[in-house]
Amino acid sequence: NPGFRACVVVGGAREPMHWEAYPNHRFLSTVGALTCCTNGGCWRSRCQRIHDGDPKDFENVCEKPVQVAPSLVIPRCMDMIRSSDVIRAIESYYEGGVLHFDDPGS
């Protein structure tokens, strides 16, 4: 299908799924799984402060950051989406017949 593009979107919970999802995309969301996104998404602009003088550093920062490196935090909503979730979403395109592995003999 020339107009179809398989895509797995790792969305977390910043925006609700209907805001970001496109037709035929697999959208992985954790909206509603955390107290900070029970009303459809948190809409926070930043996960960590970047000290650039922007007011977002103080009034629009993630409520549930997860430390992943000494100087890096990511939102808990993204950390909850596992690599196995992404792999499963990709595999579903093949299992459903939308995508096919190339046959090296052809």
PDB file of N, CA and C in Angstrom:
ATOM      1  N   ASN A   1       0.855  -1.179   0.000  1.00  0.00           N
ATOM      2  CA  ASN A   1       0.000   0.000   0.000  1.00  0.00           C
ATOM      3  C   ASN A   1       0.897   1.238   0.000  1.00  0.00           C
ATOM      4  N   PRO A   2       0.980   1.978  -1.096  1.00  0.00           N
ATOM      5  CA  PRO A   2       1.903   3.114  -1.191  1.00  0.00           C
ATOM      6  C   PRO A   2       1.626   4.225  -0.180  1.00  0.00           C
ATOM      7  N   GLY A   3       0.397   4.409   0.253  1.00  0.00           N
ATOM      8  CA  GLY A   3       0.072   5.477   1.196  1.00  0.00           C
ATOM      9  C   GLY A   3       0.240   5.077   2.643  1.00  0.00           C
ATOM     10  N   PHE A   4       0.513   3.802   2.885  1.00  0.00           N
ATOM     11  CA  PHE A   4       0.621   3.299   4.250  1.00  0.00           C
ATOM     12  C   PHE A   4       2.070   3.309   4.705  1.00  0.00           C
ATOM     13  N   ARG A   5       2.303   3.837   5.880  1.00  0.00           N
ATOM     14  CA  ARG A   5       3.637   3.814   6.471  1.00  0.00           C
ATOM     15  C   ARG A   5       3.514   3.292   7.887  1.00  0.00           C
ATOM     16  N   ALA A   6       4.016   2.095   8.096  1.00  0.00           N
ATOM     17  CA  ALA A   6       3.990   1.522   9.439  1.00  0.00           C
ATOM     18  C   ALA A   6       4.846   2.380  10.363  1.00  0.00           C
ATOM     19  N   CYS A   7       4.359   2.609  11.555  1.00  0.00           N
ATOM     20  CA  CYS A   7       5.081   3.465  12.488  1.00  0.00           C
ATOM     21  C   CYS A   7       4.676   3.109  13.912  1.00  0.00           C
ATOM     22  N   VAL A   8       5.648   2.999  14.784  1.00  0.00           N
ATOM     23  CA  VAL A   8       5.396   2.817  16.207  1.00  0.00           C
ATOM     24  C   VAL A   8       5.846   4.094  16.901  1.00  0.00           C
ATOM     25  N   VAL A   9       4.919   4.749  17.562  1.00  0.00           N
ATOM     26  CA  VAL A   9       5.191   6.009  18.247  1.00  0.00           C
ATOM     27  C   VAL A   9       5.262   5.737  19.746  1.00  0.00           C
ATOM     28  N   VAL A  10       6.374   6.092  20.356  1.00  0.00           N
ATOM     29  CA  VAL A  10       6.514   5.966  21.807  1.00  0.00           C
ATOM     30  C   VAL A  10       6.087   7.313  22.391  1.00  0.00           C
ATOM     31  N   GLY A  11       4.846   7.365  22.849  1.00  0.00           N
ATOM     32  CA  GLY A  11       4.247   8.638  23.219  1.00  0.00           C
ATOM     33  C   GLY A  11       4.304   9.006  24.686  1.00  0.00           C
ATOM     34  N   GLY A  12       4.453   8.039  25.563  1.00  0.00           N
ATOM     35  CA  GLY A  12       4.438   8.366  26.985  1.00  0.00           C
ATOM     36  C   GLY A  12       3.085   8.914  27.394  1.00  0.00           C
ATOM     37  N   ALA A  13       3.087  10.038  28.120  1.00  0.00           N
ATOM     38  CA  ALA A  13       1.816  10.584  28.601  1.00  0.00           C
ATOM     39  C   ALA A  13       1.768  12.105  28.569  1.00  0.00           C
ATOM     40  N   ARG A  14       2.611  12.713  27.754  1.00  0.00           N
ATOM     41  CA  ARG A  14       2.571  14.171  27.667  1.00  0.00           C
ATOM     42  C   ARG A  14       1.267  14.640  27.030  1.00  0.00           C
ATOM     43  N   GLU A  15       0.918  14.036  25.908  1.00  0.00           N
ATOM     44  CA  GLU A  15      -0.332  14.373  25.242  1.00  0.00           C
ATOM     45  C   GLU A  15      -1.209  13.133  25.158  1.00  0.00           C
ATOM     46  N   PRO A  16      -2.517  13.327  25.102  1.00  0.00           N
ATOM     47  CA  PRO A  16      -3.391  12.170  24.923  1.00  0.00           C
ATOM     48  C   PRO A  16      -3.217  11.571  23.531  1.00  0.00           C
ATOM     49  N   MET A  17      -3.515  10.288  23.413  1.00  0.00           N
ATOM     50  CA  MET A  17      -3.289   9.565  22.169  1.00  0.00           C
ATOM     51  C   MET A  17      -3.990  10.213  20.978  1.00  0.00           C
ATOM     52  N   HIS A  18      -5.211  10.667  21.146  1.00  0.00           N
ATOM     53  CA  HIS A  18      -5.947  11.242  20.013  1.00  0.00           C
ATOM     54  C   HIS A  18      -5.278  12.518  19.493  1.00  0.00           C
ATOM     55  N   TRP A  19      -4.446  13.136  20.289  1.00  0.00           N
ATOM     56  CA  TRP A  19      -3.757  14.356  19.884  1.00  0.00           C
ATOM     57  C   TRP A  19      -2.611  14.078  18.917  1.00  0.00           C
ATOM     58  N   GLU A  20      -1.957  12.926  19.093  1.00  0.00           N
ATOM     59  CA  GLU A  20      -0.750  12.614  18.337  1.00  0.00           C
ATOM     60  C   GLU A  20      -0.892  11.461  17.346  1.00  0.00           C
ATOM     61  N   ALA A  21      -1.864  10.598  17.532  1.00  0.00           N
ATOM     62  CA  ALA A  21      -1.952   9.384  16.720  1.00  0.00           C
ATOM     63  C   ALA A  21      -2.395   9.687  15.286  1.00  0.00           C
ATOM     64  N   TYR A  22      -1.779   9.000  14.353  1.00  0.00           N
ATOM     65  CA  TYR A  22      -2.136   9.084  12.946  1.00  0.00           C
ATOM     66  C   TYR A  22      -2.711   7.743  12.525  1.00  0.00           C
ATOM     67  N   PRO A  23      -3.480   7.701  11.450  1.00  0.00           N
ATOM     68  CA  PRO A  23      -4.048   6.424  11.008  1.00  0.00           C
ATOM     69  C   PRO A  23      -2.966   5.366  10.775  1.00  0.00           C
ATOM     70  N   ASN A  24      -3.235   4.174  11.223  1.00  0.00           N
ATOM     71  CA  ASN A  24      -2.391   2.992  11.046  1.00  0.00           C
ATOM     72  C   ASN A  24      -1.115   2.995  11.883  1.00  0.00           C
ATOM     73  N   HIS A  25      -0.902   3.992  12.700  1.00  0.00           N
ATOM     74  CA  HIS A  25       0.262   3.998  13.573  1.00  0.00           C
ATOM     75  C   HIS A  25      -0.070   3.264  14.868  1.00  0.00           C
ATOM     76  N   ARG A  26       0.910   2.617  15.432  1.00  0.00           N
ATOM     77  CA  ARG A  26       0.783   2.005  16.748  1.00  0.00           C
ATOM     78  C   ARG A  26       1.309   3.028  17.734  1.00  0.00           C
ATOM     79  N   PHE A  27       0.464   3.503  18.616  1.00  0.00           N
ATOM     80  CA  PHE A  27       0.816   4.557  19.566  1.00  0.00           C
ATOM     81  C   PHE A  27       0.918   3.956  20.958  1.00  0.00           C
ATOM     82  N   LEU A  28       2.108   3.990  21.546  1.00  0.00           N
ATOM     83  CA  LEU A  28       2.320   3.439  22.881  1.00  0.00           C
ATOM     84  C   LEU A  28       2.219   4.572  23.892  1.00  0.00           C
ATOM     85  N   SER A  29       1.198   4.490  24.718  1.00  0.00           N
ATOM     86  CA  SER A  29       0.898   5.564  25.649  1.00  0.00           C
ATOM     87  C   SER A  29       0.747   5.032  27.066  1.00  0.00           C
ATOM     88  N   THR A  30       1.065   5.866  28.035  1.00  0.00           N
ATOM     89  CA  THR A  30       0.835   5.538  29.432  1.00  0.00           C
ATOM     90  C   THR A  30      -0.118   6.545  30.072  1.00  0.00           C
ATOM     91  N   VAL A  31      -0.850   7.286  29.245  1.00  0.00           N
ATOM     92  CA  VAL A  31      -1.824   8.246  29.768  1.00  0.00           C
ATOM     93  C   VAL A  31      -2.807   7.501  30.676  1.00  0.00           C
ATOM     94  N   GLY A  32      -2.995   8.056  31.852  1.00  0.00           N
ATOM     95  CA  GLY A  32      -3.918   7.468  32.814  1.00  0.00           C
ATOM     96  C   GLY A  32      -3.263   6.490  33.783  1.00  0.00           C
ATOM     97  N   ALA A  33      -2.013   6.112  33.520  1.00  0.00           N
ATOM     98  CA  ALA A  33      -1.324   5.158  34.391  1.00  0.00           C
ATOM     99  C   ALA A  33      -0.628   5.842  35.566  1.00  0.00           C
ATOM    100  N   LEU A  34      -0.432   7.126  35.495  1.00  0.00           N
ATOM    101  CA  LEU A  34       0.224   7.892  36.554  1.00  0.00           C
ATOM    102  C   LEU A  34      -0.716   8.995  37.033  1.00  0.00           C
ATOM    103  N   THR A  35      -0.563   9.395  38.266  1.00  0.00           N
ATOM    104  CA  THR A  35      -1.440  10.427  38.815  1.00  0.00           C
ATOM    105  C   THR A  35      -1.278  11.776  38.110  1.00  0.00           C
ATOM    106  N   CYS A  36      -0.128  12.011  37.502  1.00  0.00           N
ATOM    107  CA  CYS A  36       0.111  13.295  36.836  1.00  0.00           C
ATOM    108  C   CYS A  36      -0.557  13.389  35.458  1.00  0.00           C
ATOM    109  N   CYS A  37      -1.095  12.278  34.949  1.00  0.00           N
ATOM    110  CA  CYS A  37      -1.685  12.314  33.601  1.00  0.00           C
ATOM    111  C   CYS A  37      -3.067  11.664  33.559  1.00  0.00           C
ATOM    112  N   THR A  38      -3.781  11.713  34.652  1.00  0.00           N
ATOM    113  CA  THR A  38      -5.099  11.072  34.698  1.00  0.00           C
ATOM    114  C   THR A  38      -6.168  11.826  33.911  1.00  0.00           C
ATOM    115  N   ASN A  39      -5.901  13.072  33.579  1.00  0.00           N
ATOM    116  CA  ASN A  39      -6.886  13.863  32.835  1.00  0.00           C
ATOM    117  C   ASN A  39      -6.527  14.011  31.369  1.00  0.00           C
ATOM    118  N   GLY A  40      -5.815  13.022  30.816  1.00  0.00           N
ATOM    119  CA  GLY A  40      -5.547  13.035  29.385  1.00  0.00           C
ATOM    120  C   GLY A  40      -4.152  13.442  28.980  1.00  0.00           C
ATOM    121  N   GLY A  41      -3.269  13.672  29.886  1.00  0.00           N
ATOM    122  CA  GLY A  41      -1.894  14.057  29.576  1.00  0.00           C
ATOM    123  C   GLY A  41      -1.438  15.153  30.510  1.00  0.00           C
ATOM    124  N   CYS A  42      -0.147  15.236  30.733  1.00  0.00           N
ATOM    125  CA  CYS A  42       0.354  16.243  31.683  1.00  0.00           C
ATOM    126  C   CYS A  42       0.628  17.585  31.008  1.00  0.00           C
ATOM    127  N   TRP A  43       0.967  17.554  29.738  1.00  0.00           N
ATOM    128  CA  TRP A  43       1.276  18.747  28.946  1.00  0.00           C
ATOM    129  C   TRP A  43       2.481  19.510  29.473  1.00  0.00           C
ATOM    130  N   ARG A  44       3.349  18.867  30.221  1.00  0.00           N
ATOM    131  CA  ARG A  44       4.556  19.529  30.737  1.00  0.00           C
ATOM    132  C   ARG A  44       5.551  19.744  29.601  1.00  0.00           C
ATOM    133  N   SER A  45       6.231  20.866  29.620  1.00  0.00           N
ATOM    134  CA  SER A  45       7.164  21.214  28.554  1.00  0.00           C
ATOM    135  C   SER A  45       8.544  20.618  28.732  1.00  0.00           C
ATOM    136  N   ARG A  46       8.930  20.368  29.987  1.00  0.00           N
ATOM    137  CA  ARG A  46      10.292  19.899  30.248  1.00  0.00           C
ATOM    138  C   ARG A  46      10.283  18.793  31.289  1.00  0.00           C
ATOM    139  N   CYS A  47      11.300  17.954  31.179  1.00  0.00           N
ATOM    140  CA  CYS A  47      11.475  16.915  32.185  1.00  0.00           C
ATOM    141  C   CYS A  47      12.542  17.328  33.194  1.00  0.00           C
ATOM    142  N   GLN A  48      13.517  18.054  32.741  1.00  0.00           N
ATOM    143  CA  GLN A  48      14.532  18.554  33.670  1.00  0.00           C
ATOM    144  C   GLN A  48      14.818  20.005  33.354  1.00  0.00           C
ATOM    145  N   ARG A  49      15.270  20.706  34.352  1.00  0.00           N
ATOM    146  CA  ARG A  49      15.594  22.116  34.159  1.00  0.00           C
ATOM    147  C   ARG A  49      16.867  22.233  33.315  1.00  0.00           C
ATOM    148  N   ILE A  50      16.857  23.184  32.377  1.00  0.00           N
ATOM    149  CA  ILE A  50      18.039  23.376  31.534  1.00  0.00           C
ATOM    150  C   ILE A  50      18.725  24.714  31.801  1.00  0.00           C
ATOM    151  N   HIS A  51      18.169  25.477  32.721  1.00  0.00           N
ATOM    152  CA  HIS A  51      18.799  26.719  33.193  1.00  0.00           C
ATOM    153  C   HIS A  51      19.084  27.701  32.064  1.00  0.00           C
ATOM    154  N   ASP A  52      18.052  27.920  31.239  1.00  0.00           N
ATOM    155  CA  ASP A  52      18.201  28.862  30.128  1.00  0.00           C
ATOM    156  C   ASP A  52      17.452  30.169  30.370  1.00  0.00           C
ATOM    157  N   GLY A  53      16.946  30.342  31.576  1.00  0.00           N
ATOM    158  CA  GLY A  53      16.227  31.567  31.902  1.00  0.00           C
ATOM    159  C   GLY A  53      14.752  31.522  31.562  1.00  0.00           C
ATOM    160  N   ASP A  54      14.300  30.464  30.911  1.00  0.00           N
ATOM    161  CA  ASP A  54      12.894  30.338  30.540  1.00  0.00           C
ATOM    162  C   ASP A  54      12.069  29.966  31.777  1.00  0.00           C
ATOM    163  N   PRO A  55      10.919  30.590  31.955  1.00  0.00           N
ATOM    164  CA  PRO A  55      10.072  30.266  33.111  1.00  0.00           C
ATOM    165  C   PRO A  55       9.634  28.794  33.170  1.00  0.00           C
ATOM    166  N   LYS A  56       9.696  28.095  32.032  1.00  0.00           N
ATOM    167  CA  LYS A  56       9.329  26.679  32.014  1.00  0.00           C
ATOM    168  C   LYS A  56      10.203  25.857  32.955  1.00  0.00           C
ATOM    169  N   ASP A  57      11.394  26.357  33.269  1.00  0.00           N
ATOM    170  CA  ASP A  57      12.286  25.665  34.187  1.00  0.00           C
ATOM    171  C   ASP A  57      11.686  25.543  35.591  1.00  0.00           C
ATOM    172  N   PHE A  58      10.710  26.363  35.899  1.00  0.00           N
ATOM    173  CA  PHE A  58      10.143  26.371  37.247  1.00  0.00           C
ATOM    174  C   PHE A  58       8.657  26.044  37.288  1.00  0.00           C
ATOM    175  N   GLU A  59       7.947  26.334  36.236  1.00  0.00           N
ATOM    176  CA  GLU A  59       6.498  26.173  36.302  1.00  0.00           C
ATOM    177  C   GLU A  59       5.936  25.078  35.407  1.00  0.00           C
ATOM    178  N   ASN A  60       6.771  24.408  34.614  1.00  0.00           N
ATOM    179  CA  ASN A  60       6.224  23.428  33.676  1.00  0.00           C
ATOM    180  C   ASN A  60       7.138  22.205  33.548  1.00  0.00           C
ATOM    181  N   VAL A  61       7.646  21.698  34.684  1.00  0.00           N
ATOM    182  CA  VAL A  61       8.607  20.595  34.702  1.00  0.00           C
ATOM    183  C   VAL A  61       7.898  19.307  35.129  1.00  0.00           C
ATOM    184  N   CYS A  62       8.308  18.201  34.558  1.00  0.00           N
ATOM    185  CA  CYS A  62       7.753  16.881  34.861  1.00  0.00           C
ATOM    186  C   CYS A  62       7.685  16.632  36.370  1.00  0.00           C
ATOM    187  N   GLU A  63       6.564  16.078  36.812  1.00  0.00           N
ATOM    188  CA  GLU A  63       6.360  15.773  38.233  1.00  0.00           C
ATOM    189  C   GLU A  63       7.003  14.463  38.655  1.00  0.00           C
ATOM    190  N   LYS A  64       7.262  13.562  37.700  1.00  0.00           N
ATOM    191  CA  LYS A  64       7.761  12.231  38.033  1.00  0.00           C
ATOM    192  C   LYS A  64       8.976  11.859  37.184  1.00  0.00           C
ATOM    193  N   PRO A  65      10.086  12.586  37.375  1.00  0.00           N
ATOM    194  CA  PRO A  65      11.287  12.272  36.603  1.00  0.00           C
ATOM    195  C   PRO A  65      11.985  11.011  37.108  1.00  0.00           C
ATOM    196  N   VAL A  66      12.689  10.337  36.197  1.00  0.00           N
ATOM    197  CA  VAL A  66      13.466   9.137  36.510  1.00  0.00           C
ATOM    198  C   VAL A  66      14.911   9.398  36.099  1.00  0.00           C
ATOM    199  N   GLN A  67      15.820   9.223  37.014  1.00  0.00           N
ATOM    200  CA  GLN A  67      17.245   9.429  36.728  1.00  0.00           C
ATOM    201  C   GLN A  67      17.758   8.256  35.903  1.00  0.00           C
ATOM    202  N   VAL A  68      18.276   8.521  34.695  1.00  0.00           N
ATOM    203  CA  VAL A  68      18.808   7.458  33.836  1.00  0.00           C
ATOM    204  C   VAL A  68      20.307   7.581  33.603  1.00  0.00           C
ATOM    205  N   ALA A  69      20.860   8.715  33.934  1.00  0.00           N
ATOM    206  CA  ALA A  69      22.300   8.966  33.840  1.00  0.00           C
ATOM    207  C   ALA A  69      22.606  10.088  34.827  1.00  0.00           C
ATOM    208  N   PRO A  70      23.873  10.287  35.167  1.00  0.00           N
ATOM    209  CA  PRO A  70      24.202  11.322  36.156  1.00  0.00           C
ATOM    210  C   PRO A  70      23.616  12.703  35.853  1.00  0.00           C
ATOM    211  N   SER A  71      23.541  13.057  34.599  1.00  0.00           N
ATOM    212  CA  SER A  71      23.017  14.389  34.264  1.00  0.00           C
ATOM    213  C   SER A  71      21.766  14.329  33.389  1.00  0.00           C
ATOM    214  N   LEU A  72      21.045  13.219  33.435  1.00  0.00           N
ATOM    215  CA  LEU A  72      19.860  13.080  32.581  1.00  0.00           C
ATOM    216  C   LEU A  72      18.710  12.413  33.312  1.00  0.00           C
ATOM    217  N   VAL A  73      17.548  13.053  33.239  1.00  0.00           N
ATOM    218  CA  VAL A  73      16.315  12.443  33.722  1.00  0.00           C
ATOM    219  C   VAL A  73      15.332  12.381  32.562  1.00  0.00           C
ATOM    220  N   ILE A  74      14.454  11.394  32.591  1.00  0.00           N
ATOM    221  CA  ILE A  74      13.397  11.271  31.593  1.00  0.00           C
ATOM    222  C   ILE A  74      12.073  11.136  32.343  1.00  0.00           C
ATOM    223  N   PRO A  75      10.965  11.398  31.684  1.00  0.00           N
ATOM    224  CA  PRO A  75       9.679  11.260  32.357  1.00  0.00           C
ATOM    225  C   PRO A  75       9.383   9.794  32.707  1.00  0.00           C
ATOM    226  N   ARG A  76       8.789   9.563  33.847  1.00  0.00           N
ATOM    227  CA  ARG A  76       8.409   8.206  34.263  1.00  0.00           C
ATOM    228  C   ARG A  76       7.489   7.578  33.222  1.00  0.00           C
ATOM    229  N   CYS A  77       6.635   8.357  32.601  1.00  0.00           N
ATOM    230  CA  CYS A  77       5.698   7.829  31.609  1.00  0.00           C
ATOM    231  C   CYS A  77       6.415   7.215  30.412  1.00  0.00           C
ATOM    232  N   MET A  78       7.586   7.741  30.087  1.00  0.00           N
ATOM    233  CA  MET A  78       8.385   7.167  28.996  1.00  0.00           C
ATOM    234  C   MET A  78       9.169   5.961  29.483  1.00  0.00           C
ATOM    235  N   ASP A  79       9.660   6.017  30.708  1.00  0.00           N
ATOM    236  CA  ASP A  79      10.422   4.918  31.280  1.00  0.00           C
ATOM    237  C   ASP A  79       9.562   3.665  31.451  1.00  0.00           C
ATOM    238  N   MET A  80       8.267   3.845  31.595  1.00  0.00           N
ATOM    239  CA  MET A  80       7.345   2.713  31.759  1.00  0.00           C
ATOM    240  C   MET A  80       7.148   1.913  30.474  1.00  0.00           C
ATOM    241  N   ILE A  81       7.450   2.506  29.332  1.00  0.00           N
ATOM    242  CA  ILE A  81       7.314   1.808  28.050  1.00  0.00           C
ATOM    243  C   ILE A  81       8.610   1.049  27.801  1.00  0.00           C
ATOM    244  N   ARG A  82       8.510  -0.230  27.774  1.00  0.00           N
ATOM    245  CA  ARG A  82       9.678  -1.110  27.661  1.00  0.00           C
ATOM    246  C   ARG A  82      10.017  -1.404  26.205  1.00  0.00           C
ATOM    247  N   SER A  83      11.250  -1.806  25.986  1.00  0.00           N
ATOM    248  CA  SER A  83      11.669  -2.191  24.638  1.00  0.00           C
ATOM    249  C   SER A  83      10.808  -3.345  24.135  1.00  0.00           C
ATOM    250  N   SER A  84      10.399  -4.237  25.024  1.00  0.00           N
ATOM    251  CA  SER A  84       9.542  -5.354  24.615  1.00  0.00           C
ATOM    252  C   SER A  84       8.188  -4.864  24.101  1.00  0.00           C
ATOM    253  N   ASP A  85       7.689  -3.739  24.629  1.00  0.00           N
ATOM    254  CA  ASP A  85       6.433  -3.153  24.130  1.00  0.00           C
ATOM    255  C   ASP A  85       6.604  -2.665  22.696  1.00  0.00           C
ATOM    256  N   VAL A  86       7.741  -2.024  22.435  1.00  0.00           N
ATOM    257  CA  VAL A  86       8.021  -1.509  21.091  1.00  0.00           C
ATOM    258  C   VAL A  86       8.202  -2.667  20.116  1.00  0.00           C
ATOM    259  N   ILE A  87       8.964  -3.673  20.533  1.00  0.00           N
ATOM    260  CA  ILE A  87       9.178  -4.843  19.672  1.00  0.00           C
ATOM    261  C   ILE A  87       7.859  -5.516  19.351  1.00  0.00           C
ATOM    262  N   ARG A  88       7.008  -5.688  20.339  1.00  0.00           N
ATOM    263  CA  ARG A  88       5.700  -6.328  20.124  1.00  0.00           C
ATOM    264  C   ARG A  88       4.850  -5.516  19.143  1.00  0.00           C
ATOM    265  N   ALA A  89       4.880  -4.209  19.252  1.00  0.00           N
ATOM    266  CA  ALA A  89       4.109  -3.361  18.339  1.00  0.00           C
ATOM    267  C   ALA A  89       4.610  -3.502  16.904  1.00  0.00           C
ATOM    268  N   ILE A  90       5.922  -3.585  16.736  1.00  0.00           N
ATOM    269  CA  ILE A  90       6.496  -3.782  15.400  1.00  0.00           C
ATOM    270  C   ILE A  90       6.098  -5.152  14.864  1.00  0.00           C
ATOM    271  N   GLU A  91       6.240  -6.173  15.699  1.00  0.00           N
ATOM    272  CA  GLU A  91       5.893  -7.535  15.270  1.00  0.00           C
ATOM    273  C   GLU A  91       4.439  -7.651  14.838  1.00  0.00           C
ATOM    274  N   SER A  92       3.560  -6.879  15.447  1.00  0.00           N
ATOM    275  CA  SER A  92       2.139  -6.972  15.099  1.00  0.00           C
ATOM    276  C   SER A  92       1.873  -6.607  13.646  1.00  0.00           C
ATOM    277  N   TYR A  93       2.663  -5.704  13.075  1.00  0.00           N
ATOM    278  CA  TYR A  93       2.520  -5.375  11.658  1.00  0.00           C
ATOM    279  C   TYR A  93       2.823  -6.591  10.782  1.00  0.00           C
ATOM    280  N   TYR A  94       3.805  -7.373  11.171  1.00  0.00           N
ATOM    281  CA  TYR A  94       4.174  -8.583  10.422  1.00  0.00           C
ATOM    282  C   TYR A  94       3.162  -9.704  10.653  1.00  0.00           C
ATOM    283  N   GLU A  95       2.759  -9.889  11.885  1.00  0.00           N
ATOM    284  CA  GLU A  95       1.776 -10.940  12.199  1.00  0.00           C
ATOM    285  C   GLU A  95       0.445 -10.686  11.505  1.00  0.00           C
ATOM    286  N   GLY A  96       0.087  -9.429  11.380  1.00  0.00           N
ATOM    287  CA  GLY A  96      -1.166  -9.075  10.729  1.00  0.00           C
ATOM    288  C   GLY A  96      -1.095  -9.090   9.218  1.00  0.00           C
ATOM    289  N   GLY A  97       0.116  -9.201   8.672  1.00  0.00           N
ATOM    290  CA  GLY A  97       0.270  -9.271   7.227  1.00  0.00           C
ATOM    291  C   GLY A  97       0.429  -7.937   6.526  1.00  0.00           C
ATOM    292  N   VAL A  98       0.469  -6.858   7.289  1.00  0.00           N
ATOM    293  CA  VAL A  98       0.628  -5.540   6.684  1.00  0.00           C
ATOM    294  C   VAL A  98       2.048  -5.363   6.151  1.00  0.00           C
ATOM    295  N   LEU A  99       3.024  -5.870   6.895  1.00  0.00           N
ATOM    296  CA  LEU A  99       4.415  -5.837   6.466  1.00  0.00           C
ATOM    297  C   LEU A  99       4.903  -7.265   6.258  1.00  0.00           C
ATOM    298  N   HIS A 100       5.886  -7.413   5.390  1.00  0.00           N
ATOM    299  CA  HIS A 100       6.448  -8.727   5.083  1.00  0.00           C
ATOM    300  C   HIS A 100       7.962  -8.639   5.107  1.00  0.00           C
ATOM    301  N   PHE A 101       8.590  -9.716   5.588  1.00  0.00           N
ATOM    302  CA  PHE A 101      10.041  -9.813   5.518  1.00  0.00           C
ATOM    303  C   PHE A 101      10.424 -10.077   4.081  1.00  0.00           C
ATOM    304  N   ASP A 102      11.498  -9.487   3.618  1.00  0.00           N
ATOM    305  CA  ASP A 102      12.003  -9.773   2.288  1.00  0.00           C
ATOM    306  C   ASP A 102      12.514 -11.201   2.234  1.00  0.00           C
ATOM    307  N   ASP A 103      12.209 -11.872   1.148  1.00  0.00           N
ATOM    308  CA  ASP A 103      12.701 -13.248   0.936  1.00  0.00           C
ATOM    309  C   ASP A 103      14.050 -13.136   0.252  1.00  0.00           C
ATOM    310  N   PRO A 104      15.145 -13.535   0.937  1.00  0.00           N
ATOM    311  CA  PRO A 104      16.471 -13.404   0.328  1.00  0.00           C
ATOM    312  C   PRO A 104      16.630 -14.257  -0.932  1.00  0.00           C
ATOM    313  N   GLY A 105      15.766 -15.235  -1.154  1.00  0.00           N
ATOM    314  CA  GLY A 105      15.876 -16.095  -2.342  1.00  0.00           C
ATOM    315  C   GLY A 105      15.177 -15.504  -3.555  1.00  0.00           C
ATOM    316  N   SER A 106      14.508 -14.388  -3.393  1.00  0.00           N
ATOM    317  CA  SER A 106      13.775 -13.829  -4.550  1.00  0.00           C
ATOM    318  C   SER A 106      14.492 -12.675  -5.196  1.00  0.00           C
TER     319      SER A 106
END
